[in-house]
Amino acid sequence: MNEDNSIAATSLDWATVVLKESEPPPARPADDGLMSVLLGIVVLSIGGTILTAIPLLFAGATVALAAFADVEARFLTDHSDALWTLAGATTATVLVGGAAVGGMTALGAVRDKRKPNEITGNQLAAAPHGVRELMSDAVLTVETIKDSRAWREGLFTDVDLRAAIWDIGSRGLAATAA
C-alpha cells in the first residue's frame, strides 16, 4: 500500500461516524407474553362467535322455513330474549376478537420498528486519545475493506463488518468508562 492510501494518513471526521449493532436487540419477554395472550383471546373469540352464531343461524333458518311453508312462526316471539342474548354475545365476541387482532397488529408493528443500538461519533470522540486512535483505525479499516476486491467478491458481508466494528466500539466505550 502506498503512503497516499494509508489508513494512518487519513483522518476521521467523528461527526459522521455512527456504529450500529448488526441486529436489533431481542424482543422483551413481556412482548412475547402479551402476544400469546392476544392470540389466546383471538382463538377464544373465534370459538365463542361460532358457538353463539350457530343457534342464531338455526333460528333464522327456522323462521325462513316457517314463512316459506305459510306456518305461523311464534319461535321469535317465544324466544326473543334468548335470541337477543345470543346476538349480543356474538357481537361482543366479534368485537373482542377484533380488538385482539388490532392489538396483535400494533404490537407486531412496534416489533418491526425496533432499531439496532447505535454508538455515535460524539461518544467516541470523547474517549481518550489512545482509544480514539484505535477506533479511528478500525473504522477506516472497515471502509478500506468495503473498497477491496474481497468485499466485491462477497468474502465479507455488511453484517460481518457491522458486528466486528460494533464489538470494537462497545469495547472502546467500556474502556473509557472504566
N, C-alpha and C. Protein backbone atom coordinates (compact mmCIF):
# COMPACT_ATOMS: atom_id res chain seq x y z
N MET A 1 0.85 -1.17 0.00
CA MET A 1 0.00 0.00 0.00
C MET A 1 0.89 1.23 0.00
N ASN A 2 0.62 2.20 -0.84
CA ASN A 2 1.46 3.39 -0.84
C ASN A 2 1.01 4.37 0.23
N GLU A 3 1.81 5.41 0.44
CA GLU A 3 1.57 6.34 1.55
C GLU A 3 0.26 7.11 1.39
N ASP A 4 -0.18 7.38 0.14
CA ASP A 4 -1.40 8.15 -0.07
C ASP A 4 -2.65 7.39 0.33
N ASN A 5 -2.62 6.07 0.23
CA ASN A 5 -3.78 5.27 0.57
C ASN A 5 -3.70 4.69 1.98
N SER A 6 -2.73 5.08 2.74
CA SER A 6 -2.52 4.54 4.07
C SER A 6 -3.67 4.93 4.99
N ILE A 7 -4.08 3.97 5.82
CA ILE A 7 -5.15 4.23 6.79
C ILE A 7 -4.71 5.27 7.80
N ALA A 8 -3.46 5.18 8.24
CA ALA A 8 -2.97 6.11 9.26
C ALA A 8 -2.91 7.54 8.72
N ALA A 9 -2.75 7.70 7.41
CA ALA A 9 -2.64 9.04 6.84
C ALA A 9 -4.01 9.71 6.70
N THR A 10 -5.06 8.97 6.83
CA THR A 10 -6.40 9.51 6.65
C THR A 10 -6.96 9.91 8.01
N SER A 11 -7.54 11.09 8.09
CA SER A 11 -8.16 11.49 9.36
C SER A 11 -9.65 11.21 9.30
N LEU A 12 -10.22 10.97 10.45
CA LEU A 12 -11.62 10.58 10.52
C LEU A 12 -12.44 11.74 11.07
N ASP A 13 -13.54 12.06 10.44
CA ASP A 13 -14.46 13.07 10.94
C ASP A 13 -15.46 12.39 11.86
N TRP A 14 -15.28 12.55 13.17
CA TRP A 14 -16.10 11.82 14.15
C TRP A 14 -17.57 12.18 14.07
N ALA A 15 -17.90 13.35 13.55
CA ALA A 15 -19.31 13.77 13.48
C ALA A 15 -20.10 12.89 12.52
N THR A 16 -19.42 12.23 11.59
CA THR A 16 -20.12 11.41 10.59
C THR A 16 -20.16 9.94 10.95
N VAL A 17 -19.51 9.56 12.05
CA VAL A 17 -19.41 8.14 12.42
C VAL A 17 -20.62 7.72 13.24
N VAL A 18 -21.28 6.65 12.82
CA VAL A 18 -22.34 6.02 13.60
C VAL A 18 -22.14 4.51 13.47
N LEU A 19 -21.86 3.87 14.59
CA LEU A 19 -21.70 2.42 14.60
C LEU A 19 -23.03 1.81 15.00
N LYS A 20 -23.46 0.81 14.26
CA LYS A 20 -24.74 0.17 14.55
C LYS A 20 -24.53 -1.30 14.87
N GLU A 21 -25.31 -1.77 15.83
CA GLU A 21 -25.30 -3.19 16.14
C GLU A 21 -25.84 -3.93 14.92
N SER A 22 -25.35 -5.15 14.69
CA SER A 22 -25.74 -5.85 13.47
C SER A 22 -27.21 -6.25 13.45
N GLU A 23 -27.82 -6.45 14.63
CA GLU A 23 -29.25 -6.79 14.70
C GLU A 23 -29.88 -5.99 15.81
N PRO A 24 -31.19 -5.74 15.71
CA PRO A 24 -31.86 -5.05 16.81
C PRO A 24 -31.84 -5.91 18.07
N PRO A 25 -31.95 -5.28 19.22
CA PRO A 25 -31.99 -6.07 20.45
C PRO A 25 -33.19 -7.02 20.42
N PRO A 26 -33.10 -8.16 21.09
CA PRO A 26 -34.20 -9.11 21.04
C PRO A 26 -35.46 -8.54 21.71
N ALA A 27 -36.59 -9.11 21.32
CA ALA A 27 -37.86 -8.68 21.90
C ALA A 27 -37.88 -8.98 23.39
N ARG A 28 -38.59 -8.15 24.11
CA ARG A 28 -38.71 -8.37 25.55
C ARG A 28 -39.67 -9.52 25.81
N PRO A 29 -39.43 -10.27 26.88
CA PRO A 29 -40.35 -11.37 27.20
C PRO A 29 -41.79 -10.89 27.41
N ALA A 30 -41.95 -9.67 27.91
CA ALA A 30 -43.30 -9.14 28.11
C ALA A 30 -44.04 -9.02 26.78
N ASP A 31 -43.31 -8.64 25.72
CA ASP A 31 -43.94 -8.56 24.40
C ASP A 31 -44.42 -9.92 23.93
N ASP A 32 -43.58 -10.94 24.14
CA ASP A 32 -43.97 -12.29 23.75
C ASP A 32 -45.17 -12.77 24.56
N GLY A 33 -45.20 -12.46 25.85
CA GLY A 33 -46.32 -12.86 26.70
C GLY A 33 -47.61 -12.17 26.28
N LEU A 34 -47.52 -10.87 25.98
CA LEU A 34 -48.70 -10.13 25.54
C LEU A 34 -49.20 -10.67 24.20
N MET A 35 -48.29 -11.00 23.31
CA MET A 35 -48.69 -11.56 22.02
C MET A 35 -49.40 -12.90 22.22
N SER A 36 -48.93 -13.71 23.15
CA SER A 36 -49.56 -15.01 23.44
C SER A 36 -50.96 -14.82 24.01
N VAL A 37 -51.11 -13.86 24.91
CA VAL A 37 -52.43 -13.58 25.49
C VAL A 37 -53.40 -13.11 24.41
N LEU A 38 -52.94 -12.20 23.56
CA LEU A 38 -53.81 -11.70 22.49
C LEU A 38 -54.19 -12.81 21.51
N LEU A 39 -53.25 -13.70 21.22
CA LEU A 39 -53.57 -14.83 20.34
C LEU A 39 -54.61 -15.73 20.99
N GLY A 40 -54.49 -15.97 22.29
CA GLY A 40 -55.49 -16.75 23.02
C GLY A 40 -56.86 -16.11 22.96
N ILE A 41 -56.90 -14.79 23.11
CA ILE A 41 -58.19 -14.07 23.04
C ILE A 41 -58.80 -14.21 21.64
N VAL A 42 -57.97 -14.11 20.62
CA VAL A 42 -58.48 -14.27 19.24
C VAL A 42 -59.06 -15.66 19.05
N VAL A 43 -58.34 -16.68 19.49
CA VAL A 43 -58.83 -18.06 19.32
C VAL A 43 -60.14 -18.26 20.10
N LEU A 44 -60.19 -17.79 21.34
CA LEU A 44 -61.41 -17.93 22.12
C LEU A 44 -62.57 -17.14 21.53
N SER A 45 -62.30 -15.97 20.99
CA SER A 45 -63.39 -15.19 20.41
C SER A 45 -63.91 -15.83 19.13
N ILE A 46 -63.02 -16.46 18.37
CA ILE A 46 -63.49 -17.18 17.17
C ILE A 46 -64.40 -18.34 17.59
N GLY A 47 -63.95 -19.09 18.58
CA GLY A 47 -64.78 -20.20 19.09
C GLY A 47 -66.09 -19.71 19.66
N GLY A 48 -66.04 -18.63 20.44
CA GLY A 48 -67.27 -18.07 21.02
C GLY A 48 -68.22 -17.56 19.97
N THR A 49 -67.68 -16.93 18.95
CA THR A 49 -68.53 -16.42 17.87
C THR A 49 -69.22 -17.57 17.15
N ILE A 50 -68.47 -18.62 16.89
CA ILE A 50 -69.07 -19.79 16.22
C ILE A 50 -70.16 -20.40 17.09
N LEU A 51 -69.87 -20.57 18.38
CA LEU A 51 -70.85 -21.20 19.27
C LEU A 51 -72.11 -20.36 19.46
N THR A 52 -71.99 -19.04 19.42
CA THR A 52 -73.18 -18.21 19.59
C THR A 52 -73.89 -17.94 18.27
N ALA A 53 -73.16 -18.02 17.17
CA ALA A 53 -73.78 -17.74 15.87
C ALA A 53 -74.57 -18.94 15.35
N ILE A 54 -74.18 -20.15 15.71
CA ILE A 54 -74.88 -21.35 15.21
C ILE A 54 -76.36 -21.35 15.62
N PRO A 55 -76.71 -21.11 16.90
CA PRO A 55 -78.15 -21.07 17.24
C PRO A 55 -78.89 -19.94 16.52
N LEU A 56 -78.21 -18.81 16.30
CA LEU A 56 -78.86 -17.73 15.56
C LEU A 56 -79.15 -18.14 14.12
N LEU A 57 -78.22 -18.85 13.52
CA LEU A 57 -78.44 -19.32 12.15
C LEU A 57 -79.59 -20.32 12.08
N PHE A 58 -79.65 -21.23 13.05
CA PHE A 58 -80.76 -22.18 13.07
C PHE A 58 -82.10 -21.47 13.30
N ALA A 59 -82.11 -20.47 14.14
CA ALA A 59 -83.35 -19.72 14.38
C ALA A 59 -83.79 -19.01 13.11
N GLY A 60 -82.82 -18.40 12.41
CA GLY A 60 -83.15 -17.72 11.14
C GLY A 60 -83.65 -18.70 10.10
N ALA A 61 -83.03 -19.87 10.04
CA ALA A 61 -83.46 -20.89 9.08
C ALA A 61 -84.87 -21.38 9.43
N THR A 62 -85.15 -21.54 10.72
CA THR A 62 -86.49 -21.98 11.15
C THR A 62 -87.55 -20.97 10.75
N VAL A 63 -87.26 -19.69 10.98
CA VAL A 63 -88.23 -18.64 10.62
C VAL A 63 -88.42 -18.60 9.10
N ALA A 64 -87.34 -18.74 8.35
CA ALA A 64 -87.45 -18.71 6.88
C ALA A 64 -88.26 -19.89 6.37
N LEU A 65 -88.02 -21.07 6.93
CA LEU A 65 -88.79 -22.24 6.51
C LEU A 65 -90.27 -22.10 6.90
N ALA A 66 -90.51 -21.54 8.07
CA ALA A 66 -91.90 -21.35 8.50
C ALA A 66 -92.62 -20.37 7.59
N ALA A 67 -91.93 -19.30 7.22
CA ALA A 67 -92.55 -18.33 6.32
C ALA A 67 -92.77 -18.93 4.93
N PHE A 68 -91.86 -19.72 4.48
CA PHE A 68 -91.97 -20.37 3.18
C PHE A 68 -93.13 -21.36 3.16
N ALA A 69 -93.39 -22.04 4.26
CA ALA A 69 -94.46 -23.05 4.32
C ALA A 69 -95.77 -22.46 4.81
N ASP A 70 -95.83 -21.16 4.96
CA ASP A 70 -97.03 -20.47 5.46
C ASP A 70 -97.46 -20.99 6.82
N VAL A 71 -96.53 -21.29 7.67
CA VAL A 71 -96.81 -21.73 9.03
C VAL A 71 -96.56 -20.54 9.93
N GLU A 72 -97.38 -20.37 10.93
CA GLU A 72 -97.20 -19.26 11.86
C GLU A 72 -95.94 -19.52 12.68
N ALA A 73 -95.05 -18.57 12.66
CA ALA A 73 -93.78 -18.72 13.37
C ALA A 73 -93.83 -17.93 14.67
N ARG A 74 -94.05 -18.64 15.76
CA ARG A 74 -94.07 -17.99 17.07
C ARG A 74 -92.70 -18.14 17.74
N PHE A 75 -91.77 -18.72 17.02
CA PHE A 75 -90.46 -19.00 17.60
C PHE A 75 -89.78 -17.73 18.08
N LEU A 76 -89.84 -16.69 17.23
CA LEU A 76 -89.16 -15.44 17.60
C LEU A 76 -89.81 -14.77 18.80
N THR A 77 -91.10 -14.76 18.85
CA THR A 77 -91.76 -14.10 19.98
C THR A 77 -91.61 -14.90 21.26
N ASP A 78 -91.59 -16.22 21.16
CA ASP A 78 -91.45 -17.05 22.36
C ASP A 78 -90.02 -17.02 22.92
N HIS A 79 -89.07 -16.85 22.06
CA HIS A 79 -87.66 -16.93 22.48
C HIS A 79 -86.88 -15.66 22.17
N SER A 80 -87.55 -14.53 22.15
CA SER A 80 -86.87 -13.30 21.74
C SER A 80 -85.76 -12.91 22.72
N ASP A 81 -85.96 -13.10 24.02
CA ASP A 81 -84.91 -12.75 24.98
C ASP A 81 -83.64 -13.59 24.75
N ALA A 82 -83.81 -14.87 24.51
CA ALA A 82 -82.66 -15.74 24.27
C ALA A 82 -81.95 -15.35 22.97
N LEU A 83 -82.73 -15.01 21.95
CA LEU A 83 -82.12 -14.64 20.68
C LEU A 83 -81.36 -13.32 20.78
N TRP A 84 -81.91 -12.36 21.53
CA TRP A 84 -81.21 -11.09 21.72
C TRP A 84 -79.92 -11.31 22.54
N THR A 85 -79.97 -12.20 23.49
CA THR A 85 -78.77 -12.53 24.27
C THR A 85 -77.71 -13.16 23.39
N LEU A 86 -78.13 -14.10 22.54
CA LEU A 86 -77.18 -14.72 21.61
C LEU A 86 -76.61 -13.69 20.63
N ALA A 87 -77.45 -12.81 20.14
CA ALA A 87 -76.98 -11.77 19.21
C ALA A 87 -75.98 -10.85 19.91
N GLY A 88 -76.26 -10.48 21.15
CA GLY A 88 -75.34 -9.64 21.91
C GLY A 88 -74.02 -10.35 22.19
N ALA A 89 -74.11 -11.64 22.54
CA ALA A 89 -72.89 -12.41 22.80
C ALA A 89 -72.05 -12.55 21.53
N THR A 90 -72.71 -12.78 20.41
CA THR A 90 -71.99 -12.89 19.15
C THR A 90 -71.29 -11.58 18.81
N THR A 91 -72.00 -10.48 18.96
CA THR A 91 -71.42 -9.17 18.69
C THR A 91 -70.24 -8.89 19.61
N ALA A 92 -70.40 -9.19 20.89
CA ALA A 92 -69.32 -8.93 21.85
C ALA A 92 -68.08 -9.75 21.55
N THR A 93 -68.27 -11.02 21.21
CA THR A 93 -67.10 -11.84 20.92
C THR A 93 -66.41 -11.41 19.63
N VAL A 94 -67.17 -10.95 18.65
CA VAL A 94 -66.57 -10.43 17.42
C VAL A 94 -65.77 -9.16 17.73
N LEU A 95 -66.32 -8.28 18.55
CA LEU A 95 -65.62 -7.04 18.90
C LEU A 95 -64.35 -7.31 19.71
N VAL A 96 -64.44 -8.21 20.68
CA VAL A 96 -63.26 -8.55 21.48
C VAL A 96 -62.19 -9.19 20.60
N GLY A 97 -62.60 -10.08 19.72
CA GLY A 97 -61.65 -10.69 18.80
C GLY A 97 -61.02 -9.67 17.87
N GLY A 98 -61.83 -8.76 17.37
CA GLY A 98 -61.30 -7.68 16.51
C GLY A 98 -60.31 -6.80 17.25
N ALA A 99 -60.62 -6.48 18.50
CA ALA A 99 -59.70 -5.68 19.31
C ALA A 99 -58.38 -6.43 19.54
N ALA A 100 -58.47 -7.73 19.78
CA ALA A 100 -57.25 -8.53 19.98
C ALA A 100 -56.42 -8.60 18.70
N VAL A 101 -57.07 -8.73 17.56
CA VAL A 101 -56.34 -8.73 16.29
C VAL A 101 -55.67 -7.37 16.08
N GLY A 102 -56.37 -6.30 16.40
CA GLY A 102 -55.79 -4.96 16.31
C GLY A 102 -54.59 -4.81 17.24
N GLY A 103 -54.69 -5.35 18.45
CA GLY A 103 -53.57 -5.30 19.39
C GLY A 103 -52.37 -6.08 18.88
N MET A 104 -52.64 -7.25 18.30
CA MET A 104 -51.54 -8.05 17.75
C MET A 104 -50.87 -7.32 16.58
N THR A 105 -51.67 -6.66 15.77
CA THR A 105 -51.13 -5.92 14.63
C THR A 105 -50.27 -4.75 15.12
N ALA A 106 -50.76 -4.04 16.12
CA ALA A 106 -50.00 -2.91 16.67
C ALA A 106 -48.70 -3.38 17.31
N LEU A 107 -48.76 -4.45 18.06
CA LEU A 107 -47.56 -4.99 18.71
C LEU A 107 -46.56 -5.48 17.66
N GLY A 108 -47.06 -6.09 16.59
CA GLY A 108 -46.17 -6.52 15.51
C GLY A 108 -45.51 -5.33 14.82
N ALA A 109 -46.26 -4.24 14.65
CA ALA A 109 -45.69 -3.04 14.02
C ALA A 109 -44.60 -2.43 14.91
N VAL A 110 -44.83 -2.44 16.21
CA VAL A 110 -43.82 -1.92 17.14
C VAL A 110 -42.58 -2.80 17.09
N ARG A 111 -42.75 -4.10 17.04
CA ARG A 111 -41.60 -5.01 16.95
C ARG A 111 -40.82 -4.78 15.67
N ASP A 112 -41.51 -4.53 14.56
CA ASP A 112 -40.84 -4.34 13.28
C ASP A 112 -40.05 -3.03 13.24
N LYS A 113 -40.41 -2.08 14.08
CA LYS A 113 -39.74 -0.79 14.08
C LYS A 113 -38.54 -0.74 15.02
N ARG A 114 -38.27 -1.86 15.72
CA ARG A 114 -37.10 -1.86 16.60
C ARG A 114 -35.86 -1.63 15.77
N LYS A 115 -34.99 -0.80 16.28
CA LYS A 115 -33.78 -0.47 15.56
C LYS A 115 -32.57 -0.97 16.34
N PRO A 116 -31.49 -1.22 15.62
CA PRO A 116 -30.27 -1.63 16.32
C PRO A 116 -29.75 -0.50 17.21
N ASN A 117 -29.05 -0.87 18.26
CA ASN A 117 -28.40 0.13 19.11
C ASN A 117 -27.32 0.84 18.31
N GLU A 118 -27.00 2.07 18.72
CA GLU A 118 -26.01 2.86 18.00
C GLU A 118 -24.98 3.44 18.95
N ILE A 119 -23.79 3.62 18.43
CA ILE A 119 -22.74 4.39 19.11
C ILE A 119 -22.41 5.52 18.16
N THR A 120 -22.53 6.75 18.63
CA THR A 120 -22.27 7.90 17.76
C THR A 120 -20.81 8.31 17.85
N GLY A 121 -20.38 9.04 16.82
CA GLY A 121 -19.02 9.54 16.79
C GLY A 121 -18.71 10.46 17.96
N ASN A 122 -19.73 11.20 18.44
CA ASN A 122 -19.51 12.10 19.58
C ASN A 122 -19.13 11.32 20.84
N GLN A 123 -19.75 10.14 21.03
CA GLN A 123 -19.38 9.31 22.17
C GLN A 123 -17.94 8.84 22.04
N LEU A 124 -17.54 8.49 20.83
CA LEU A 124 -16.19 8.00 20.62
C LEU A 124 -15.17 9.14 20.65
N ALA A 125 -15.57 10.33 20.19
CA ALA A 125 -14.65 11.47 20.18
C ALA A 125 -14.27 11.89 21.59
N ALA A 126 -15.14 11.59 22.55
CA ALA A 126 -14.85 11.94 23.95
C ALA A 126 -13.91 10.94 24.62
N ALA A 127 -13.57 9.87 23.94
CA ALA A 127 -12.69 8.85 24.50
C ALA A 127 -11.25 9.38 24.56
N PRO A 128 -10.43 8.79 25.42
CA PRO A 128 -9.02 9.19 25.47
C PRO A 128 -8.35 8.98 24.11
N HIS A 129 -7.27 9.69 23.89
CA HIS A 129 -6.61 9.70 22.59
C HIS A 129 -6.24 8.29 22.10
N GLY A 130 -5.72 7.45 22.96
CA GLY A 130 -5.31 6.10 22.56
C GLY A 130 -6.48 5.27 22.07
N VAL A 131 -7.58 5.33 22.79
CA VAL A 131 -8.77 4.57 22.39
C VAL A 131 -9.35 5.16 21.11
N ARG A 132 -9.40 6.48 21.03
CA ARG A 132 -9.93 7.15 19.85
C ARG A 132 -9.10 6.81 18.61
N GLU A 133 -7.80 6.73 18.77
CA GLU A 133 -6.92 6.38 17.65
C GLU A 133 -7.18 4.95 17.17
N LEU A 134 -7.34 4.03 18.12
CA LEU A 134 -7.66 2.65 17.74
C LEU A 134 -9.02 2.56 17.05
N MET A 135 -9.99 3.29 17.56
CA MET A 135 -11.32 3.29 16.94
C MET A 135 -11.26 3.88 15.54
N SER A 136 -10.50 4.94 15.38
CA SER A 136 -10.35 5.56 14.06
C SER A 136 -9.75 4.58 13.08
N ASP A 137 -8.71 3.86 13.51
CA ASP A 137 -8.09 2.87 12.64
C ASP A 137 -9.09 1.77 12.28
N ALA A 138 -9.88 1.33 13.25
CA ALA A 138 -10.86 0.26 12.99
C ALA A 138 -11.92 0.71 12.00
N VAL A 139 -12.45 1.91 12.18
CA VAL A 139 -13.48 2.42 11.27
C VAL A 139 -12.91 2.59 9.87
N LEU A 140 -11.71 3.13 9.77
CA LEU A 140 -11.10 3.32 8.46
C LEU A 140 -10.75 1.98 7.82
N THR A 141 -10.42 0.98 8.62
CA THR A 141 -10.15 -0.35 8.08
C THR A 141 -11.41 -0.93 7.45
N VAL A 142 -12.54 -0.74 8.10
CA VAL A 142 -13.81 -1.21 7.53
C VAL A 142 -14.07 -0.52 6.20
N GLU A 143 -13.81 0.77 6.13
CA GLU A 143 -14.01 1.49 4.86
C GLU A 143 -13.06 0.96 3.79
N THR A 144 -11.82 0.63 4.18
CA THR A 144 -10.87 0.06 3.23
C THR A 144 -11.35 -1.30 2.74
N ILE A 145 -11.89 -2.11 3.65
CA ILE A 145 -12.42 -3.43 3.27
C ILE A 145 -13.55 -3.27 2.27
N LYS A 146 -14.40 -2.27 2.48
CA LYS A 146 -15.52 -2.06 1.56
C LYS A 146 -15.06 -1.64 0.17
N ASP A 147 -13.84 -1.10 0.07
CA ASP A 147 -13.29 -0.74 -1.24
C ASP A 147 -12.46 -1.86 -1.85
N SER A 148 -12.36 -2.99 -1.17
CA SER A 148 -11.45 -4.05 -1.61
C SER A 148 -12.10 -5.05 -2.56
N ARG A 149 -11.25 -5.83 -3.21
CA ARG A 149 -11.72 -6.90 -4.07
C ARG A 149 -12.44 -7.99 -3.26
N ALA A 150 -11.95 -8.24 -2.05
CA ALA A 150 -12.59 -9.25 -1.18
C ALA A 150 -14.04 -8.88 -0.91
N TRP A 151 -14.32 -7.61 -0.72
CA TRP A 151 -15.69 -7.14 -0.48
C TRP A 151 -16.53 -7.35 -1.75
N ARG A 152 -15.98 -6.96 -2.88
CA ARG A 152 -16.72 -7.10 -4.14
C ARG A 152 -17.01 -8.56 -4.47
N GLU A 153 -16.12 -9.46 -4.06
CA GLU A 153 -16.31 -10.88 -4.34
C GLU A 153 -17.15 -11.59 -3.28
N GLY A 154 -17.61 -10.84 -2.28
CA GLY A 154 -18.53 -11.40 -1.29
C GLY A 154 -17.88 -12.17 -0.16
N LEU A 155 -16.59 -11.96 0.07
CA LEU A 155 -15.94 -12.66 1.19
C LEU A 155 -16.37 -12.09 2.54
N PHE A 156 -16.81 -10.84 2.54
CA PHE A 156 -17.33 -10.20 3.75
C PHE A 156 -18.75 -9.74 3.47
N THR A 157 -19.56 -9.71 4.50
CA THR A 157 -20.90 -9.13 4.37
C THR A 157 -20.98 -7.92 5.26
N ASP A 158 -21.98 -7.11 5.02
CA ASP A 158 -22.17 -5.92 5.84
C ASP A 158 -22.41 -6.31 7.30
N VAL A 159 -23.11 -7.42 7.51
CA VAL A 159 -23.38 -7.88 8.87
C VAL A 159 -22.08 -8.25 9.57
N ASP A 160 -21.16 -8.92 8.85
CA ASP A 160 -19.86 -9.26 9.43
C ASP A 160 -19.12 -8.01 9.88
N LEU A 161 -19.07 -7.03 9.00
CA LEU A 161 -18.34 -5.80 9.32
C LEU A 161 -19.01 -5.03 10.44
N ARG A 162 -20.33 -4.93 10.41
CA ARG A 162 -21.01 -4.19 11.47
C ARG A 162 -20.83 -4.88 12.81
N ALA A 163 -20.89 -6.20 12.83
CA ALA A 163 -20.71 -6.93 14.09
C ALA A 163 -19.30 -6.70 14.63
N ALA A 164 -18.31 -6.75 13.75
CA ALA A 164 -16.93 -6.55 14.20
C ALA A 164 -16.70 -5.14 14.71
N ILE A 165 -17.19 -4.16 13.98
CA ILE A 165 -16.96 -2.77 14.39
C ILE A 165 -17.78 -2.43 15.62
N TRP A 166 -18.98 -3.03 15.76
CA TRP A 166 -19.78 -2.82 16.97
C TRP A 166 -19.04 -3.36 18.18
N ASP A 167 -18.46 -4.53 18.03
CA ASP A 167 -17.71 -5.12 19.13
C ASP A 167 -16.54 -4.23 19.53
N ILE A 168 -15.82 -3.72 18.53
CA ILE A 168 -14.69 -2.84 18.83
C ILE A 168 -15.19 -1.55 19.49
N GLY A 169 -16.26 -0.97 18.96
CA GLY A 169 -16.79 0.28 19.53
C GLY A 169 -17.30 0.12 20.95
N SER A 170 -18.02 -0.96 21.19
CA SER A 170 -18.55 -1.15 22.55
C SER A 170 -17.42 -1.43 23.53
N ARG A 171 -16.37 -2.14 23.09
CA ARG A 171 -15.21 -2.36 23.97
C ARG A 171 -14.46 -1.05 24.21
N GLY A 172 -14.38 -0.22 23.16
CA GLY A 172 -13.73 1.08 23.33
C GLY A 172 -14.47 1.96 24.32
N LEU A 173 -15.79 1.98 24.24
CA LEU A 173 -16.57 2.76 25.20
C LEU A 173 -16.45 2.20 26.60
N ALA A 174 -16.43 0.87 26.72
CA ALA A 174 -16.28 0.25 28.03
C ALA A 174 -14.92 0.59 28.63
N ALA A 175 -13.91 0.68 27.78
CA ALA A 175 -12.57 1.04 28.28
C ALA A 175 -12.53 2.47 28.79
N THR A 176 -13.28 3.36 28.14
CA THR A 176 -13.29 4.75 28.60
C THR A 176 -14.09 4.91 29.87
N ALA A 177 -15.09 4.05 30.07
CA ALA A 177 -15.92 4.15 31.26
C ALA A 177 -15.22 3.59 32.49
N ALA A 178 -14.29 2.68 32.29
CA ALA A 178 -13.60 2.03 33.42
C ALA A 178 -12.56 2.90 34.06
